[in-house]
Amino acid sequence: MIAFAIAFPTGFFEASLPLILKDLGMTISQSGIIFSPGTFAIIIAQVVFVERLMKRFGELTDIVIGMVAAVIFYVIIPFSNGFWMTLAINLVPSLTPSQIRPANITLVSKHAPALKQGLSQSVYNFYPSIGRLIGPILGGILYGAGG
């Protein structure tokens, strides 16, 4: 369920952010620039921080911190009013799934019996897939209803 809870708002966010950027009058180039630093930050975070955070705080704490951070920034992003503010705010929702996903997968592996590891990973992958399917659809619908 944590996997769904991460993938659903991520899909929702990724579907609605380009619409928000268009409403703010940003160009396609500016939109690309807003998404690119988030991707770069994910690469740096996964190489430098993710393993260290899990070892220091544990998987569950890492997941909770990531989810709280994501919620705060998902609430703030619609109130961004310019290029630089949107760019800065977009970094956190980009980073949180890459922080949470490894911790969540580790927890699933730890709690699954040795003979059920493959099945547990398959079931785990099902939930983000559903979230990534439903999130953008609902994001588009809600954005259209609000605009």
N, C-alpha and C. Protein backbone atom coordinates (compact mmCIF):
# COMPACT_ATOMS: atom_id res chain seq x y z
N MET A 1 0.83 -1.21 0.00
CA MET A 1 0.00 0.00 0.00
C MET A 1 0.86 1.26 0.00
N ILE A 2 2.03 1.19 0.63
CA ILE A 2 2.93 2.34 0.62
C ILE A 2 3.37 2.63 -0.81
N ALA A 3 3.63 1.58 -1.57
CA ALA A 3 4.04 1.76 -2.97
C ALA A 3 2.95 2.50 -3.76
N PHE A 4 1.69 2.15 -3.53
CA PHE A 4 0.59 2.84 -4.19
C PHE A 4 0.52 4.28 -3.69
N ALA A 5 0.67 4.48 -2.39
CA ALA A 5 0.58 5.81 -1.79
C ALA A 5 1.68 6.74 -2.28
N ILE A 6 2.75 6.19 -2.81
CA ILE A 6 3.82 7.00 -3.38
C ILE A 6 3.57 7.24 -4.86
N ALA A 7 3.21 6.21 -5.58
CA ALA A 7 3.05 6.30 -7.03
C ALA A 7 1.82 7.11 -7.44
N PHE A 8 0.75 7.00 -6.69
CA PHE A 8 -0.49 7.71 -7.04
C PHE A 8 -0.28 9.22 -7.06
N PRO A 9 0.19 9.84 -5.98
CA PRO A 9 0.36 11.29 -6.04
C PRO A 9 1.49 11.72 -6.99
N THR A 10 2.48 10.84 -7.19
CA THR A 10 3.54 11.17 -8.14
C THR A 10 2.96 11.27 -9.55
N GLY A 11 2.13 10.31 -9.93
CA GLY A 11 1.47 10.36 -11.23
C GLY A 11 0.54 11.56 -11.34
N PHE A 12 -0.19 11.82 -10.28
CA PHE A 12 -1.10 12.97 -10.20
C PHE A 12 -0.30 14.26 -10.42
N PHE A 13 0.83 14.38 -9.71
CA PHE A 13 1.70 15.55 -9.77
C PHE A 13 2.28 15.73 -11.16
N GLU A 14 2.78 14.64 -11.74
CA GLU A 14 3.42 14.73 -13.04
C GLU A 14 2.43 15.05 -14.15
N ALA A 15 1.18 14.68 -13.97
CA ALA A 15 0.15 15.01 -14.96
C ALA A 15 -0.30 16.45 -14.84
N SER A 16 -0.39 16.96 -13.63
CA SER A 16 -0.94 18.30 -13.44
C SER A 16 0.12 19.41 -13.47
N LEU A 17 1.38 19.10 -13.15
CA LEU A 17 2.40 20.16 -13.14
C LEU A 17 2.55 20.84 -14.50
N PRO A 18 2.61 20.12 -15.62
CA PRO A 18 2.71 20.84 -16.89
C PRO A 18 1.52 21.78 -17.14
N LEU A 19 0.34 21.40 -16.67
CA LEU A 19 -0.82 22.26 -16.82
C LEU A 19 -0.69 23.51 -15.95
N ILE A 20 -0.18 23.34 -14.74
CA ILE A 20 0.05 24.48 -13.85
C ILE A 20 1.08 25.41 -14.47
N LEU A 21 2.16 24.85 -15.02
CA LEU A 21 3.20 25.66 -15.64
C LEU A 21 2.65 26.46 -16.82
N LYS A 22 1.78 25.82 -17.61
CA LYS A 22 1.16 26.53 -18.74
C LYS A 22 0.31 27.68 -18.23
N ASP A 23 -0.47 27.45 -17.16
CA ASP A 23 -1.30 28.51 -16.60
C ASP A 23 -0.47 29.66 -16.04
N LEU A 24 0.74 29.35 -15.59
CA LEU A 24 1.63 30.39 -15.08
C LEU A 24 2.31 31.15 -16.22
N GLY A 25 2.06 30.72 -17.45
CA GLY A 25 2.62 31.41 -18.61
C GLY A 25 4.04 31.00 -18.95
N MET A 26 4.46 29.85 -18.45
CA MET A 26 5.82 29.41 -18.73
C MET A 26 5.90 28.75 -20.10
N THR A 27 7.06 28.89 -20.70
CA THR A 27 7.28 28.31 -22.02
C THR A 27 7.61 26.82 -21.90
N ILE A 28 7.63 26.14 -23.04
CA ILE A 28 8.00 24.73 -23.05
C ILE A 28 9.44 24.56 -22.57
N SER A 29 10.31 25.48 -22.94
CA SER A 29 11.71 25.42 -22.49
C SER A 29 11.81 25.55 -20.97
N GLN A 30 11.06 26.49 -20.42
CA GLN A 30 11.07 26.65 -18.97
C GLN A 30 10.52 25.41 -18.27
N SER A 31 9.51 24.80 -18.84
CA SER A 31 8.95 23.57 -18.27
C SER A 31 10.01 22.48 -18.24
N GLY A 32 10.74 22.33 -19.33
CA GLY A 32 11.81 21.33 -19.39
C GLY A 32 12.88 21.60 -18.35
N ILE A 33 13.22 22.87 -18.18
CA ILE A 33 14.23 23.24 -17.18
C ILE A 33 13.73 22.91 -15.78
N ILE A 34 12.46 23.10 -15.51
CA ILE A 34 11.91 22.81 -14.18
C ILE A 34 11.98 21.32 -13.87
N PHE A 35 11.77 20.47 -14.86
CA PHE A 35 11.83 19.02 -14.63
C PHE A 35 13.26 18.49 -14.57
N SER A 36 14.18 19.07 -15.31
CA SER A 36 15.55 18.54 -15.39
C SER A 36 16.32 18.54 -14.07
N PRO A 37 16.34 19.61 -13.30
CA PRO A 37 17.08 19.56 -12.03
C PRO A 37 16.56 18.49 -11.07
N GLY A 38 15.26 18.23 -11.11
CA GLY A 38 14.71 17.17 -10.26
C GLY A 38 15.30 15.82 -10.62
N THR A 39 15.44 15.56 -11.90
CA THR A 39 16.03 14.31 -12.36
C THR A 39 17.49 14.23 -11.97
N PHE A 40 18.21 15.31 -12.12
CA PHE A 40 19.63 15.35 -11.72
C PHE A 40 19.75 15.13 -10.21
N ALA A 41 18.88 15.76 -9.45
CA ALA A 41 18.90 15.61 -7.99
C ALA A 41 18.63 14.17 -7.57
N ILE A 42 17.75 13.49 -8.30
CA ILE A 42 17.46 12.08 -8.01
C ILE A 42 18.72 11.24 -8.17
N ILE A 43 19.46 11.47 -9.23
CA ILE A 43 20.69 10.71 -9.48
C ILE A 43 21.68 10.93 -8.34
N ILE A 44 21.89 12.18 -7.97
CA ILE A 44 22.83 12.50 -6.88
C ILE A 44 22.35 11.89 -5.57
N ALA A 45 21.07 12.03 -5.27
CA ALA A 45 20.53 11.51 -4.01
C ALA A 45 20.68 10.00 -3.92
N GLN A 46 20.39 9.30 -5.01
CA GLN A 46 20.47 7.84 -4.96
C GLN A 46 21.91 7.37 -4.80
N VAL A 47 22.83 8.07 -5.37
CA VAL A 47 24.24 7.67 -5.26
C VAL A 47 24.81 8.04 -3.89
N VAL A 48 24.43 9.21 -3.37
CA VAL A 48 25.08 9.74 -2.17
C VAL A 48 24.29 9.52 -0.88
N PHE A 49 22.97 9.71 -0.91
CA PHE A 49 22.23 9.81 0.34
C PHE A 49 21.34 8.63 0.72
N VAL A 50 20.72 7.98 -0.23
CA VAL A 50 19.66 7.02 0.08
C VAL A 50 20.14 5.91 1.00
N GLU A 51 21.23 5.27 0.67
CA GLU A 51 21.74 4.18 1.51
C GLU A 51 22.13 4.68 2.89
N ARG A 52 22.77 5.83 2.95
CA ARG A 52 23.17 6.40 4.25
C ARG A 52 21.97 6.69 5.14
N LEU A 53 20.92 7.27 4.54
CA LEU A 53 19.72 7.56 5.32
C LEU A 53 19.06 6.30 5.85
N MET A 54 19.00 5.26 5.01
CA MET A 54 18.38 4.00 5.47
C MET A 54 19.20 3.38 6.59
N LYS A 55 20.52 3.41 6.49
CA LYS A 55 21.36 2.83 7.54
C LYS A 55 21.25 3.63 8.83
N ARG A 56 21.15 4.93 8.71
CA ARG A 56 21.11 5.77 9.91
C ARG A 56 19.75 5.76 10.60
N PHE A 57 18.67 5.88 9.83
CA PHE A 57 17.35 6.02 10.42
C PHE A 57 16.48 4.77 10.32
N GLY A 58 16.83 3.87 9.43
CA GLY A 58 16.01 2.69 9.21
C GLY A 58 15.00 2.95 8.10
N GLU A 59 14.51 1.86 7.53
CA GLU A 59 13.63 1.96 6.37
C GLU A 59 12.32 2.66 6.70
N LEU A 60 11.69 2.28 7.78
CA LEU A 60 10.37 2.83 8.09
C LEU A 60 10.44 4.33 8.34
N THR A 61 11.42 4.78 9.10
CA THR A 61 11.58 6.21 9.36
C THR A 61 11.85 6.96 8.06
N ASP A 62 12.67 6.36 7.20
CA ASP A 62 12.98 6.95 5.91
C ASP A 62 11.71 7.12 5.07
N ILE A 63 10.86 6.12 5.09
CA ILE A 63 9.60 6.18 4.34
C ILE A 63 8.70 7.28 4.90
N VAL A 64 8.57 7.34 6.22
CA VAL A 64 7.69 8.34 6.85
C VAL A 64 8.19 9.76 6.56
N ILE A 65 9.49 9.99 6.71
CA ILE A 65 10.05 11.32 6.43
C ILE A 65 9.80 11.70 4.97
N GLY A 66 10.03 10.76 4.07
CA GLY A 66 9.81 11.03 2.65
C GLY A 66 8.36 11.34 2.33
N MET A 67 7.45 10.59 2.94
CA MET A 67 6.03 10.81 2.67
C MET A 67 5.55 12.15 3.23
N VAL A 68 6.01 12.51 4.42
CA VAL A 68 5.63 13.80 5.01
C VAL A 68 6.17 14.95 4.15
N ALA A 69 7.42 14.84 3.72
CA ALA A 69 8.01 15.88 2.86
C ALA A 69 7.23 16.00 1.56
N ALA A 70 6.88 14.88 0.96
CA ALA A 70 6.14 14.90 -0.30
C ALA A 70 4.78 15.58 -0.13
N VAL A 71 4.07 15.23 0.93
CA VAL A 71 2.75 15.82 1.17
C VAL A 71 2.86 17.33 1.31
N ILE A 72 3.82 17.79 2.09
CA ILE A 72 3.99 19.24 2.29
C ILE A 72 4.20 19.94 0.95
N PHE A 73 5.08 19.39 0.13
CA PHE A 73 5.39 20.05 -1.13
C PHE A 73 4.30 19.87 -2.18
N TYR A 74 3.56 18.76 -2.14
CA TYR A 74 2.43 18.61 -3.05
C TYR A 74 1.36 19.65 -2.74
N VAL A 75 1.24 20.01 -1.47
CA VAL A 75 0.27 21.04 -1.08
C VAL A 75 0.76 22.43 -1.48
N ILE A 76 2.07 22.65 -1.42
CA ILE A 76 2.64 23.97 -1.72
C ILE A 76 2.70 24.26 -3.22
N ILE A 77 2.95 23.25 -4.05
CA ILE A 77 3.22 23.48 -5.48
C ILE A 77 2.12 24.27 -6.21
N PRO A 78 0.84 24.07 -5.92
CA PRO A 78 -0.16 24.88 -6.65
C PRO A 78 -0.09 26.37 -6.34
N PHE A 79 0.58 26.72 -5.25
CA PHE A 79 0.67 28.12 -4.86
C PHE A 79 1.94 28.79 -5.37
N SER A 80 2.77 28.03 -6.08
CA SER A 80 3.98 28.64 -6.64
C SER A 80 3.55 29.62 -7.72
N ASN A 81 4.30 30.71 -7.80
CA ASN A 81 3.84 31.76 -8.70
C ASN A 81 4.91 32.25 -9.67
N GLY A 82 5.98 31.53 -9.79
CA GLY A 82 7.00 31.96 -10.73
C GLY A 82 7.97 30.84 -11.04
N PHE A 83 8.83 31.10 -11.98
CA PHE A 83 9.76 30.09 -12.45
C PHE A 83 10.66 29.57 -11.33
N TRP A 84 11.35 30.44 -10.62
CA TRP A 84 12.33 30.01 -9.61
C TRP A 84 11.67 29.32 -8.43
N MET A 85 10.53 29.82 -8.01
CA MET A 85 9.83 29.18 -6.90
C MET A 85 9.35 27.78 -7.31
N THR A 86 8.82 27.67 -8.51
CA THR A 86 8.35 26.38 -9.00
C THR A 86 9.51 25.41 -9.15
N LEU A 87 10.62 25.90 -9.65
CA LEU A 87 11.82 25.07 -9.80
C LEU A 87 12.27 24.53 -8.45
N ALA A 88 12.35 25.38 -7.44
CA ALA A 88 12.79 24.96 -6.11
C ALA A 88 11.81 23.98 -5.48
N ILE A 89 10.53 24.27 -5.57
CA ILE A 89 9.51 23.41 -4.97
C ILE A 89 9.47 22.05 -5.65
N ASN A 90 9.68 22.00 -6.95
CA ASN A 90 9.62 20.75 -7.71
C ASN A 90 10.71 19.76 -7.31
N LEU A 91 11.80 20.22 -6.74
CA LEU A 91 12.89 19.31 -6.38
C LEU A 91 12.45 18.27 -5.34
N VAL A 92 11.69 18.68 -4.34
CA VAL A 92 11.32 17.76 -3.26
C VAL A 92 10.40 16.64 -3.74
N PRO A 93 9.28 16.94 -4.44
CA PRO A 93 8.46 15.82 -4.91
C PRO A 93 9.19 14.93 -5.92
N SER A 94 10.21 15.46 -6.57
CA SER A 94 11.01 14.62 -7.46
C SER A 94 11.88 13.67 -6.66
N LEU A 95 12.40 14.14 -5.54
CA LEU A 95 13.32 13.35 -4.73
C LEU A 95 12.64 12.30 -3.85
N THR A 96 11.49 12.61 -3.33
CA THR A 96 10.91 11.71 -2.32
C THR A 96 10.63 10.30 -2.82
N PRO A 97 10.10 10.08 -4.03
CA PRO A 97 9.91 8.69 -4.44
C PRO A 97 11.22 7.91 -4.55
N SER A 98 12.29 8.60 -4.95
CA SER A 98 13.57 7.90 -5.07
C SER A 98 14.17 7.60 -3.69
N GLN A 99 13.73 8.30 -2.69
CA GLN A 99 14.15 8.03 -1.32
C GLN A 99 13.32 6.90 -0.73
N ILE A 100 12.02 6.93 -0.98
CA ILE A 100 11.10 6.00 -0.36
C ILE A 100 11.15 4.61 -1.00
N ARG A 101 11.23 4.57 -2.32
CA ARG A 101 11.15 3.30 -3.05
C ARG A 101 12.19 2.27 -2.58
N PRO A 102 13.48 2.63 -2.48
CA PRO A 102 14.46 1.62 -2.01
C PRO A 102 14.18 1.14 -0.59
N ALA A 103 13.75 2.04 0.29
CA ALA A 103 13.44 1.65 1.66
C ALA A 103 12.24 0.71 1.68
N ASN A 104 11.25 0.99 0.86
CA ASN A 104 10.06 0.16 0.80
C ASN A 104 10.39 -1.23 0.24
N ILE A 105 11.18 -1.28 -0.82
CA ILE A 105 11.57 -2.56 -1.40
C ILE A 105 12.38 -3.37 -0.38
N THR A 106 13.24 -2.71 0.37
CA THR A 106 14.02 -3.39 1.40
C THR A 106 13.11 -3.99 2.46
N LEU A 107 12.11 -3.24 2.90
CA LEU A 107 11.15 -3.77 3.88
C LEU A 107 10.39 -4.97 3.35
N VAL A 108 9.96 -4.89 2.10
CA VAL A 108 9.24 -6.02 1.49
C VAL A 108 10.15 -7.25 1.48
N SER A 109 11.39 -7.08 1.08
CA SER A 109 12.33 -8.21 1.02
C SER A 109 12.60 -8.80 2.40
N LYS A 110 12.74 -7.93 3.40
CA LYS A 110 13.02 -8.40 4.75
C LYS A 110 11.88 -9.23 5.32
N HIS A 111 10.66 -8.87 4.97
CA HIS A 111 9.49 -9.54 5.57
C HIS A 111 8.94 -10.69 4.75
N ALA A 112 9.45 -10.88 3.54
CA ALA A 112 8.98 -11.99 2.71
C ALA A 112 9.83 -13.22 2.96
N PRO A 113 9.22 -14.40 3.04
CA PRO A 113 10.00 -15.63 3.19
C PRO A 113 10.92 -15.81 1.97
N ALA A 114 12.02 -16.51 2.18
CA ALA A 114 13.02 -16.70 1.13
C ALA A 114 12.42 -17.27 -0.15
N LEU A 115 11.50 -18.21 -0.02
CA LEU A 115 10.92 -18.82 -1.20
C LEU A 115 9.85 -17.95 -1.88
N LYS A 116 9.50 -16.85 -1.26
CA LYS A 116 8.46 -15.98 -1.82
C LYS A 116 9.02 -14.61 -2.25
N GLN A 117 10.34 -14.48 -2.36
CA GLN A 117 10.93 -13.20 -2.73
C GLN A 117 10.45 -12.71 -4.09
N GLY A 118 10.45 -13.58 -5.08
CA GLY A 118 10.01 -13.19 -6.41
C GLY A 118 8.56 -12.75 -6.42
N LEU A 119 7.71 -13.52 -5.75
CA LEU A 119 6.30 -13.18 -5.66
C LEU A 119 6.10 -11.85 -4.94
N SER A 120 6.84 -11.65 -3.86
CA SER A 120 6.68 -10.40 -3.10
C SER A 120 7.09 -9.20 -3.94
N GLN A 121 8.13 -9.33 -4.75
CA GLN A 121 8.54 -8.23 -5.62
C GLN A 121 7.51 -7.99 -6.73
N SER A 122 6.93 -9.06 -7.24
CA SER A 122 5.89 -8.91 -8.26
C SER A 122 4.67 -8.19 -7.70
N VAL A 123 4.25 -8.59 -6.52
CA VAL A 123 3.11 -7.93 -5.88
C VAL A 123 3.45 -6.48 -5.57
N TYR A 124 4.66 -6.25 -5.10
CA TYR A 124 5.10 -4.88 -4.82
C TYR A 124 5.01 -4.02 -6.09
N ASN A 125 5.47 -4.53 -7.21
CA ASN A 125 5.46 -3.76 -8.46
C ASN A 125 4.06 -3.52 -9.00
N PHE A 126 3.10 -4.32 -8.60
CA PHE A 126 1.71 -4.13 -9.01
C PHE A 126 1.15 -2.80 -8.50
N TYR A 127 1.41 -2.48 -7.24
CA TYR A 127 0.81 -1.29 -6.63
C TYR A 127 1.31 0.02 -7.23
N PRO A 128 2.61 0.21 -7.48
CA PRO A 128 3.01 1.44 -8.16
C PRO A 128 2.43 1.54 -9.57
N SER A 129 2.27 0.40 -10.23
CA SER A 129 1.69 0.42 -11.57
C SER A 129 0.26 0.93 -11.54
N ILE A 130 -0.50 0.48 -10.58
CA ILE A 130 -1.88 0.96 -10.43
C ILE A 130 -1.89 2.44 -10.08
N GLY A 131 -1.00 2.85 -9.19
CA GLY A 131 -0.91 4.27 -8.81
C GLY A 131 -0.53 5.15 -9.98
N ARG A 132 0.39 4.68 -10.82
CA ARG A 132 0.84 5.45 -11.99
C ARG A 132 -0.23 5.47 -13.07
N LEU A 133 -1.17 4.54 -13.01
CA LEU A 133 -2.28 4.52 -13.96
C LEU A 133 -3.39 5.47 -13.50
N ILE A 134 -3.76 5.37 -12.24
CA ILE A 134 -4.89 6.15 -11.71
C ILE A 134 -4.49 7.60 -11.43
N GLY A 135 -3.28 7.83 -10.94
CA GLY A 135 -2.84 9.18 -10.57
C GLY A 135 -2.96 10.21 -11.68
N PRO A 136 -2.39 9.97 -12.86
CA PRO A 136 -2.51 10.96 -13.94
C PRO A 136 -3.95 11.17 -14.41
N ILE A 137 -4.73 10.10 -14.43
CA ILE A 137 -6.13 10.24 -14.86
C ILE A 137 -6.87 11.15 -13.89
N LEU A 138 -6.75 10.85 -12.59
CA LEU A 138 -7.44 11.67 -11.60
C LEU A 138 -6.87 13.09 -11.56
N GLY A 139 -5.54 13.21 -11.73
CA GLY A 139 -4.92 14.55 -11.76
C GLY A 139 -5.49 15.40 -12.88
N GLY A 140 -5.62 14.83 -14.06
CA GLY A 140 -6.19 15.57 -15.19
C GLY A 140 -7.64 15.94 -14.96
N ILE A 141 -8.41 15.00 -14.42
CA ILE A 141 -9.83 15.26 -14.15
C ILE A 141 -9.99 16.37 -13.12
N LEU A 142 -9.25 16.26 -12.01
CA LEU A 142 -9.37 17.29 -10.96
C LEU A 142 -8.85 18.63 -11.42
N TYR A 143 -7.78 18.63 -12.20
CA TYR A 143 -7.28 19.90 -12.71
C TYR A 143 -8.30 20.55 -13.63
N GLY A 144 -8.91 19.74 -14.50
CA GLY A 144 -9.95 20.25 -15.40
C GLY A 144 -11.16 20.76 -14.65
N ALA A 145 -11.52 20.12 -13.55
CA ALA A 145 -12.68 20.53 -12.75
C ALA A 145 -12.41 21.84 -12.02
N GLY A 146 -11.12 22.08 -11.68
CA GLY A 146 -10.78 23.28 -10.93
C GLY A 146 -10.52 24.48 -11.83
N GLY A 147 -10.32 24.26 -13.10
CA GLY A 147 -9.92 25.35 -14.00
C GLY A 147 -10.96 25.80 -14.89
